[in-house]
Amino acid sequence: MSRNLDGRYKTIVSPWDDYTVYSFPDASQIAAPDRQPVMDAMNSIIAINWKAIEPHWTAAASPFDSKYSLILVYDHIGLAAFSVYRVMTIAQRLAIYRSGTEVLPAHQGRGLYGFFTSQILKHSSTTTRSEGVLYGWRTRNPIVWAANAKICERVAPSLLGETADAELQAACVEMCATIYPDKPLEVPRMIMRGAYGHIEHIRQDYHGAASLVETAMSQIIPDSADALFSVGYARV
C-alpha cells in the first residue's frame, strides 16, 4: 500500500487544504491489505510522542475491530494524525470513549485534536442532547485531560475543584469495566494502575489549566505507568 489511501475510501470535508481526512464509523471497513500499513503508521506516531517499549496497536489488540471507529488524517507524505474511539451505551445514555488520539509533532497546534473531538461528538443525536452525552477518556497527559474536561459540564474525577458527582462516578466505573474488564479502577480517584506499562508519557511544559491538572496528577499518579480514567457530560 502507498503512504496514503489514494482514493480507495470516501473522504470527508477537511478544514485544511493540505490534509485528506477519512472517517470510518466502523473501523473494520478498512480492507485487510491496508490494515498493517495503517497500524504501523499509527504506532510510529505513538513512538514519537511517547517512550514506547513495544507497539501499542497489534494484531491481538487491533484498531480495526468493528467496535471501534477511526478517523485518519493524511498529508502529502503520509499519516499525520489519527483518532480511535468507541460509541456505546453506558448508564442508559449514549456514551463516547476516546480510545486514542495522536498527532505528529510537526502537525500539532493546527487544531487537529479539536477537529477530531467535533467529528466524534457528531454521533450525538438531537434526542440525546437534552439528556447529555457521556464522554470518556484515559490519560496521564495533563494537556489531553484539560482539553477533554473543557468540553464537559462536569467530570469524574473532579481534579479542578468541582463537586463530586455520584452518577458520573458510577458511569466511570461502568465504562471502564466495559472497555477494560481486566483493569480494576480505584474509586473515587479513578486511578487505573499499570495502564501505560508499555509506553511512557513524555513530560512537557504546561500552562493554564493543564498546569493545574499536572500538579494534581503528580500527586495522584506519580508513577508514569498509571493513568486516570475520566468521564464527563459533554456539551454538544
C-alpha atoms as a PDB file:
ATOM      1  CA  MET A   1       0.000   0.000   0.000  1.00  0.00           C
ATOM      2  CA  SER A   2       1.174   3.534  -0.663  1.00  0.00           C
ATOM      3  CA  ARG A   3       1.694   6.040   2.132  1.00  0.00           C
ATOM      4  CA  ASN A   4      -1.820   7.396   1.530  1.00  0.00           C
ATOM      5  CA  LEU A   5      -5.106   5.613   0.921  1.00  0.00           C
ATOM      6  CA  ASP A   6      -5.263   7.103  -2.584  1.00  0.00           C
ATOM      7  CA  GLY A   7      -8.995   7.483  -3.002  1.00  0.00           C
ATOM      8  CA  ARG A   8      -9.882   3.876  -2.245  1.00  0.00           C
ATOM      9  CA  TYR A   9     -12.148   5.118   0.528  1.00  0.00           C
ATOM     10  CA  LYS A  10     -14.576   8.013   0.745  1.00  0.00           C
ATOM     11  CA  THR A  11     -13.175  11.149   2.340  1.00  0.00           C
ATOM     12  CA  ILE A  12     -14.939  13.748   4.476  1.00  0.00           C
ATOM     13  CA  VAL A  13     -14.649  17.530   4.232  1.00  0.00           C
ATOM     14  CA  SER A  14     -11.312  18.768   5.549  1.00  0.00           C
ATOM     15  CA  PRO A  15     -10.953  22.273   7.032  1.00  0.00           C
ATOM     16  CA  TRP A  16      -7.407  22.272   5.656  1.00  0.00           C
ATOM     17  CA  ASP A  17      -6.358  22.274   2.007  1.00  0.00           C
ATOM     18  CA  ASP A  18      -3.252  20.200   2.734  1.00  0.00           C
ATOM     19  CA  TYR A  19      -4.973  17.360   4.634  1.00  0.00           C
ATOM     20  CA  THR A  20      -7.107  14.483   3.394  1.00  0.00           C
ATOM     21  CA  VAL A  21      -9.475  13.093   6.030  1.00  0.00           C
ATOM     22  CA  TYR A  22     -11.009   9.618   6.159  1.00  0.00           C
ATOM     23  CA  SER A  23     -13.697   8.714   8.680  1.00  0.00           C
ATOM     24  CA  PHE A  24     -14.698   5.114   9.410  1.00  0.00           C
ATOM     25  CA  PRO A  25     -17.662   4.756  11.798  1.00  0.00           C
ATOM     26  CA  ASP A  26     -16.866   1.039  11.635  1.00  0.00           C
ATOM     27  CA  ALA A  27     -13.083   0.585  11.595  1.00  0.00           C
ATOM     28  CA  SER A  28     -13.427  -2.943  10.208  1.00  0.00           C
ATOM     29  CA  GLN A  29     -14.370  -1.305   6.874  1.00  0.00           C
ATOM     30  CA  ILE A  30     -10.655  -0.822   6.241  1.00  0.00           C
ATOM     31  CA  ALA A  31      -9.614  -3.634   3.910  1.00  0.00           C
ATOM     32  CA  ALA A  32      -7.233  -6.316   5.147  1.00  0.00           C
ATOM     33  CA  PRO A  33      -4.315  -5.337   2.832  1.00  0.00           C
ATOM     34  CA  ASP A  34      -4.436  -1.762   4.180  1.00  0.00           C
ATOM     35  CA  ARG A  35      -4.543  -2.608   7.870  1.00  0.00           C
ATOM     36  CA  GLN A  36      -0.918  -3.406   8.668  1.00  0.00           C
ATOM     37  CA  PRO A  37       0.497  -0.309   6.933  1.00  0.00           C
ATOM     38  CA  VAL A  38      -2.067   1.919   8.657  1.00  0.00           C
ATOM     39  CA  MET A  39      -1.376   0.306  12.025  1.00  0.00           C
ATOM     40  CA  ASP A  40       2.384   0.662  11.516  1.00  0.00           C
ATOM     41  CA  ALA A  41       1.913   4.360  10.767  1.00  0.00           C
ATOM     42  CA  MET A  42      -0.243   4.783  13.895  1.00  0.00           C
ATOM     43  CA  ASN A  43       2.356   3.047  16.047  1.00  0.00           C
ATOM     44  CA  SER A  44       5.091   5.193  14.517  1.00  0.00           C
ATOM     45  CA  ILE A  45       3.316   8.362  15.664  1.00  0.00           C
ATOM     46  CA  ILE A  46       2.847   6.914  19.156  1.00  0.00           C
ATOM     47  CA  ALA A  47       6.557   6.020  19.291  1.00  0.00           C
ATOM     48  CA  ILE A  48       7.426   9.667  18.565  1.00  0.00           C
ATOM     49  CA  ASN A  49       5.014  11.144  21.119  1.00  0.00           C
ATOM     50  CA  TRP A  50       5.719   8.554  23.833  1.00  0.00           C
ATOM     51  CA  LYS A  51       8.662   6.487  25.024  1.00  0.00           C
ATOM     52  CA  ALA A  52       7.393   3.210  23.607  1.00  0.00           C
ATOM     53  CA  ILE A  53       8.773  -0.153  24.699  1.00  0.00           C
ATOM     54  CA  GLU A  54       6.533  -2.091  22.288  1.00  0.00           C
ATOM     55  CA  PRO A  55       3.821  -1.301  19.713  1.00  0.00           C
ATOM     56  CA  HIS A  56       0.570  -0.055  21.212  1.00  0.00           C
ATOM     57  CA  TRP A  57      -1.712  -1.410  18.460  1.00  0.00           C
ATOM     58  CA  THR A  58      -1.149  -5.033  17.445  1.00  0.00           C
ATOM     59  CA  ALA A  59      -2.981  -7.824  15.637  1.00  0.00           C
ATOM     60  CA  ALA A  60      -4.161  -9.040  19.045  1.00  0.00           C
ATOM     61  CA  ALA A  61      -5.255  -5.551  20.093  1.00  0.00           C
ATOM     62  CA  SER A  62      -6.335  -4.212  16.725  1.00  0.00           C
ATOM     63  CA  PRO A  63      -7.888  -0.803  15.997  1.00  0.00           C
ATOM     64  CA  PHE A  64      -9.779  -2.423  13.099  1.00  0.00           C
ATOM     65  CA  ASP A  65     -12.307  -4.258  15.259  1.00  0.00           C
ATOM     66  CA  SER A  66     -15.911  -3.331  14.443  1.00  0.00           C
ATOM     67  CA  LYS A  67     -16.367  -1.942  17.970  1.00  0.00           C
ATOM     68  CA  TYR A  68     -14.002   0.913  17.071  1.00  0.00           C
ATOM     69  CA  SER A  69     -14.460   3.979  14.898  1.00  0.00           C
ATOM     70  CA  LEU A  70     -11.445   5.606  13.285  1.00  0.00           C
ATOM     71  CA  ILE A  71     -10.509   8.966  11.773  1.00  0.00           C
ATOM     72  CA  LEU A  72      -7.305   9.246   9.726  1.00  0.00           C
ATOM     73  CA  VAL A  73      -5.666  12.469   8.572  1.00  0.00           C
ATOM     74  CA  TYR A  74      -3.044  12.362   5.800  1.00  0.00           C
ATOM     75  CA  ASP A  75      -0.795  14.993   4.302  1.00  0.00           C
ATOM     76  CA  HIS A  76       1.194  14.524   1.086  1.00  0.00           C
ATOM     77  CA  ILE A  77       3.795  12.409   2.904  1.00  0.00           C
ATOM     78  CA  GLY A  78       1.682  10.034   4.973  1.00  0.00           C
ATOM     79  CA  LEU A  79      -0.373   9.715   8.137  1.00  0.00           C
ATOM     80  CA  ALA A  80      -0.236  12.942  10.157  1.00  0.00           C
ATOM     81  CA  ALA A  81      -2.791  12.182  12.882  1.00  0.00           C
ATOM     82  CA  PHE A  82      -5.456   9.704  13.903  1.00  0.00           C
ATOM     83  CA  SER A  83      -8.197   9.187  16.441  1.00  0.00           C
ATOM     84  CA  VAL A  84      -9.738   5.910  17.603  1.00  0.00           C
ATOM     85  CA  TYR A  85     -12.999   5.963  19.559  1.00  0.00           C
ATOM     86  CA  ARG A  86     -15.941   3.817  20.612  1.00  0.00           C
ATOM     87  CA  VAL A  87     -19.665   4.541  20.739  1.00  0.00           C
ATOM     88  CA  MET A  88     -21.702   2.610  23.288  1.00  0.00           C
ATOM     89  CA  THR A  89     -24.476   2.826  25.864  1.00  0.00           C
ATOM     90  CA  ILE A  90     -23.485   3.446  29.483  1.00  0.00           C
ATOM     91  CA  ALA A  91     -25.951   4.171  32.299  1.00  0.00           C
ATOM     92  CA  GLN A  92     -28.699   4.093  29.645  1.00  0.00           C
ATOM     93  CA  ARG A  93     -27.129   7.057  27.853  1.00  0.00           C
ATOM     94  CA  LEU A  94     -25.215   7.482  24.639  1.00  0.00           C
ATOM     95  CA  ALA A  95     -21.537   7.249  25.549  1.00  0.00           C
ATOM     96  CA  ILE A  96     -18.387   8.007  23.568  1.00  0.00           C
ATOM     97  CA  TYR A  97     -14.945   6.806  24.613  1.00  0.00           C
ATOM     98  CA  ARG A  98     -11.711   8.228  23.191  1.00  0.00           C
ATOM     99  CA  SER A  99      -9.525   5.146  22.774  1.00  0.00           C
ATOM    100  CA  GLY A 100      -6.536   7.098  21.493  1.00  0.00           C
ATOM    101  CA  THR A 101      -5.655  10.242  19.566  1.00  0.00           C
ATOM    102  CA  GLU A 102      -2.177  11.136  18.355  1.00  0.00           C
ATOM    103  CA  VAL A 103      -0.807  13.954  16.197  1.00  0.00           C
ATOM    104  CA  LEU A 104       2.727  14.121  14.802  1.00  0.00           C
ATOM    105  CA  PRO A 105       4.670  16.988  16.426  1.00  0.00           C
ATOM    106  CA  ALA A 106       5.049  18.831  13.105  1.00  0.00           C
ATOM    107  CA  HIS A 107       1.237  18.980  12.835  1.00  0.00           C
ATOM    108  CA  GLN A 108       0.433  19.914  16.417  1.00  0.00           C
ATOM    109  CA  GLY A 109      -1.056  23.342  17.045  1.00  0.00           C
ATOM    110  CA  ARG A 110      -3.253  23.295  13.937  1.00  0.00           C
ATOM    111  CA  GLY A 111      -6.447  22.297  15.736  1.00  0.00           C
ATOM    112  CA  LEU A 112      -6.461  18.607  14.819  1.00  0.00           C
ATOM    113  CA  TYR A 113      -7.375  17.408  18.314  1.00  0.00           C
ATOM    114  CA  GLY A 114     -10.353  19.774  18.405  1.00  0.00           C
ATOM    115  CA  PHE A 115     -11.342  18.697  14.896  1.00  0.00           C
ATOM    116  CA  PHE A 116     -11.341  15.052  15.983  1.00  0.00           C
ATOM    117  CA  THR A 117     -13.458  15.946  19.003  1.00  0.00           C
ATOM    118  CA  SER A 118     -16.069  17.771  16.914  1.00  0.00           C
ATOM    119  CA  GLN A 119     -16.268  14.869  14.460  1.00  0.00           C
ATOM    120  CA  ILE A 120     -16.641  12.322  17.247  1.00  0.00           C
ATOM    121  CA  LEU A 121     -19.383  14.270  19.014  1.00  0.00           C
ATOM    122  CA  LYS A 122     -21.430  14.333  15.811  1.00  0.00           C
ATOM    123  CA  HIS A 123     -22.538  10.843  16.852  1.00  0.00           C
ATOM    124  CA  SER A 124     -24.803  12.508  19.405  1.00  0.00           C
ATOM    125  CA  SER A 125     -28.345  12.914  18.109  1.00  0.00           C
ATOM    126  CA  THR A 126     -30.891  15.632  18.849  1.00  0.00           C
ATOM    127  CA  THR A 127     -32.829  13.192  21.023  1.00  0.00           C
ATOM    128  CA  THR A 128     -29.869  12.622  23.335  1.00  0.00           C
ATOM    129  CA  ARG A 129     -28.684  16.194  23.677  1.00  0.00           C
ATOM    130  CA  SER A 130     -31.205  17.053  26.391  1.00  0.00           C
ATOM    131  CA  GLU A 131     -30.068  14.045  28.408  1.00  0.00           C
ATOM    132  CA  GLY A 132     -26.361  14.670  27.987  1.00  0.00           C
ATOM    133  CA  VAL A 133     -23.757  12.534  26.276  1.00  0.00           C
ATOM    134  CA  LEU A 134     -21.278  10.642  28.404  1.00  0.00           C
ATOM    135  CA  TYR A 135     -17.757  11.273  27.173  1.00  0.00           C
ATOM    136  CA  GLY A 136     -14.833   9.227  28.473  1.00  0.00           C
ATOM    137  CA  TRP A 137     -11.070   9.064  28.105  1.00  0.00           C
ATOM    138  CA  ARG A 138      -7.993   7.559  29.746  1.00  0.00           C
ATOM    139  CA  THR A 139      -4.781   9.537  30.021  1.00  0.00           C
ATOM    140  CA  ARG A 140      -1.897  10.753  32.110  1.00  0.00           C
ATOM    141  CA  ASN A 141      -1.246  13.727  29.804  1.00  0.00           C
ATOM    142  CA  PRO A 142      -2.421  16.943  31.541  1.00  0.00           C
ATOM    143  CA  ILE A 143      -2.988  18.711  28.210  1.00  0.00           C
ATOM    144  CA  VAL A 144      -5.265  15.926  26.975  1.00  0.00           C
ATOM    145  CA  TRP A 145      -7.135  15.796  30.294  1.00  0.00           C
ATOM    146  CA  ALA A 146      -7.672  19.572  30.342  1.00  0.00           C
ATOM    147  CA  ALA A 147      -8.781  19.669  26.682  1.00  0.00           C
ATOM    148  CA  ASN A 148     -11.374  16.953  27.215  1.00  0.00           C
ATOM    149  CA  ALA A 149     -12.599  18.324  30.545  1.00  0.00           C
ATOM    150  CA  LYS A 150     -13.092  21.733  28.915  1.00  0.00           C
ATOM    151  CA  ILE A 151     -15.902  20.419  26.700  1.00  0.00           C
ATOM    152  CA  CYS A 152     -17.683  18.782  29.654  1.00  0.00           C
ATOM    153  CA  GLU A 153     -20.116  20.319  32.123  1.00  0.00           C
ATOM    154  CA  ARG A 154     -18.829  18.058  34.913  1.00  0.00           C
ATOM    155  CA  VAL A 155     -16.132  15.420  35.118  1.00  0.00           C
ATOM    156  CA  ALA A 156     -15.229  12.474  37.327  1.00  0.00           C
ATOM    157  CA  PRO A 157     -12.690  12.556  38.880  1.00  0.00           C
ATOM    158  CA  SER A 158     -13.003  16.245  39.731  1.00  0.00           C
ATOM    159  CA  LEU A 159      -9.399  17.468  39.552  1.00  0.00           C
ATOM    160  CA  LEU A 160     -10.120  21.192  39.403  1.00  0.00           C
ATOM    161  CA  GLY A 161     -12.289  21.608  42.480  1.00  0.00           C
ATOM    162  CA  GLU A 162     -15.673  20.607  41.109  1.00  0.00           C
ATOM    163  CA  THR A 163     -18.147  18.861  43.390  1.00  0.00           C
ATOM    164  CA  ALA A 164     -18.002  15.076  43.047  1.00  0.00           C
ATOM    165  CA  ASP A 165     -20.891  13.639  41.038  1.00  0.00           C
ATOM    166  CA  ALA A 166     -22.027  10.189  42.214  1.00  0.00           C
ATOM    167  CA  GLU A 167     -23.796   9.373  38.924  1.00  0.00           C
ATOM    168  CA  LEU A 168     -20.686  10.260  36.920  1.00  0.00           C
ATOM    169  CA  GLN A 169     -18.529   8.176  39.234  1.00  0.00           C
ATOM    170  CA  ALA A 170     -20.837   5.195  38.676  1.00  0.00           C
ATOM    171  CA  ALA A 171     -20.767   5.772  34.901  1.00  0.00           C
ATOM    172  CA  CYS A 172     -16.977   5.957  35.043  1.00  0.00           C
ATOM    173  CA  VAL A 173     -16.780   2.568  36.772  1.00  0.00           C
ATOM    174  CA  GLU A 174     -19.261   1.019  34.311  1.00  0.00           C
ATOM    175  CA  MET A 175     -17.471   2.365  31.237  1.00  0.00           C
ATOM    176  CA  CYS A 176     -14.072   1.238  32.469  1.00  0.00           C
ATOM    177  CA  ALA A 177     -15.365  -2.248  33.296  1.00  0.00           C
ATOM    178  CA  THR A 178     -16.896  -2.477  29.801  1.00  0.00           C
ATOM    179  CA  ILE A 179     -13.742  -1.440  27.955  1.00  0.00           C
ATOM    180  CA  TYR A 180     -11.022  -2.761  30.253  1.00  0.00           C
ATOM    181  CA  PRO A 181     -12.577  -5.645  32.231  1.00  0.00           C
ATOM    182  CA  ASP A 182      -9.139  -6.794  33.392  1.00  0.00           C
ATOM    183  CA  LYS A 183      -8.145  -3.346  34.718  1.00  0.00           C
ATOM    184  CA  PRO A 184      -9.772  -2.519  38.066  1.00  0.00           C
ATOM    185  CA  LEU A 185     -10.455   1.134  38.799  1.00  0.00           C
ATOM    186  CA  GLU A 186      -9.587   2.738  42.136  1.00  0.00           C
ATOM    187  CA  VAL A 187     -12.566   4.823  43.247  1.00  0.00           C
ATOM    188  CA  PRO A 188     -13.094   7.754  43.844  1.00  0.00           C
ATOM    189  CA  ARG A 189      -9.871   8.994  42.214  1.00  0.00           C
ATOM    190  CA  MET A 190     -10.471   6.765  39.172  1.00  0.00           C
ATOM    191  CA  ILE A 191      -6.895   5.503  39.003  1.00  0.00           C
ATOM    192  CA  MET A 192      -6.001   2.717  36.585  1.00  0.00           C
ATOM    193  CA  ARG A 193      -2.739   1.156  37.716  1.00  0.00           C
ATOM    194  CA  GLY A 194      -0.263  -0.018  35.092  1.00  0.00           C
ATOM    195  CA  ALA A 195      -2.278   1.306  32.160  1.00  0.00           C
ATOM    196  CA  TYR A 196       0.876   2.513  30.419  1.00  0.00           C
ATOM    197  CA  GLY A 197       3.439  -0.107  31.277  1.00  0.00           C
ATOM    198  CA  HIS A 198       4.456  -0.367  27.610  1.00  0.00           C
ATOM    199  CA  ILE A 199       4.629   3.360  26.834  1.00  0.00           C
ATOM    200  CA  GLU A 200       5.788   6.308  28.940  1.00  0.00           C
ATOM    201  CA  HIS A 201       4.401   9.820  28.721  1.00  0.00           C
ATOM    202  CA  ILE A 202       6.958  12.482  27.768  1.00  0.00           C
ATOM    203  CA  ARG A 203       6.553  15.432  30.108  1.00  0.00           C
ATOM    204  CA  GLN A 204       6.140  18.895  28.592  1.00  0.00           C
ATOM    205  CA  ASP A 205       5.886  22.459  29.848  1.00  0.00           C
ATOM    206  CA  TYR A 206       2.299  23.029  30.917  1.00  0.00           C
ATOM    207  CA  HIS A 207       0.368  26.288  31.092  1.00  0.00           C
ATOM    208  CA  GLY A 208      -3.061  27.399  32.242  1.00  0.00           C
ATOM    209  CA  ALA A 209      -5.497  24.659  33.235  1.00  0.00           C
ATOM    210  CA  ALA A 210      -3.020  21.992  32.128  1.00  0.00           C
ATOM    211  CA  SER A 211      -0.509  23.162  34.746  1.00  0.00           C
ATOM    212  CA  LEU A 212      -3.150  22.781  37.478  1.00  0.00           C
ATOM    213  CA  VAL A 213      -4.026  19.324  36.161  1.00  0.00           C
ATOM    214  CA  GLU A 214      -0.342  18.374  36.072  1.00  0.00           C
ATOM    215  CA  THR A 215       0.027  19.356  39.739  1.00  0.00           C
ATOM    216  CA  ALA A 216      -2.970  17.218  40.680  1.00  0.00           C
ATOM    217  CA  MET A 217      -1.800  14.277  38.565  1.00  0.00           C
ATOM    218  CA  SER A 218       1.702  14.361  40.028  1.00  0.00           C
ATOM    219  CA  GLN A 219       0.161  13.871  43.455  1.00  0.00           C
ATOM    220  CA  ILE A 220      -2.479  11.301  42.483  1.00  0.00           C
ATOM    221  CA  ILE A 221      -0.493   9.203  39.988  1.00  0.00           C
ATOM    222  CA  PRO A 222       3.246   9.877  40.365  1.00  0.00           C
ATOM    223  CA  ASP A 223       4.022   6.556  38.647  1.00  0.00           C
ATOM    224  CA  SER A 224       4.290   7.159  34.882  1.00  0.00           C
ATOM    225  CA  ALA A 225       2.637   3.780  34.196  1.00  0.00           C
ATOM    226  CA  ASP A 226      -0.606   4.803  35.897  1.00  0.00           C
ATOM    227  CA  ALA A 227      -3.484   6.732  34.324  1.00  0.00           C
ATOM    228  CA  LEU A 228      -6.725   8.464  35.190  1.00  0.00           C
ATOM    229  CA  PHE A 229      -9.935   7.144  33.672  1.00  0.00           C
ATOM    230  CA  SER A 230     -12.359  10.048  33.306  1.00  0.00           C
ATOM    231  CA  VAL A 231     -15.963  10.524  32.244  1.00  0.00           C
ATOM    232  CA  GLY A 232     -17.894  13.762  31.813  1.00  0.00           C
ATOM    233  CA  TYR A 233     -21.161  15.150  30.463  1.00  0.00           C
ATOM    234  CA  ALA A 234     -20.147  16.531  27.050  1.00  0.00           C
ATOM    235  CA  ARG A 235     -21.513  19.836  25.797  1.00  0.00           C
ATOM    236  CA  VAL A 236     -22.844  19.026  22.322  1.00  0.00           C
END
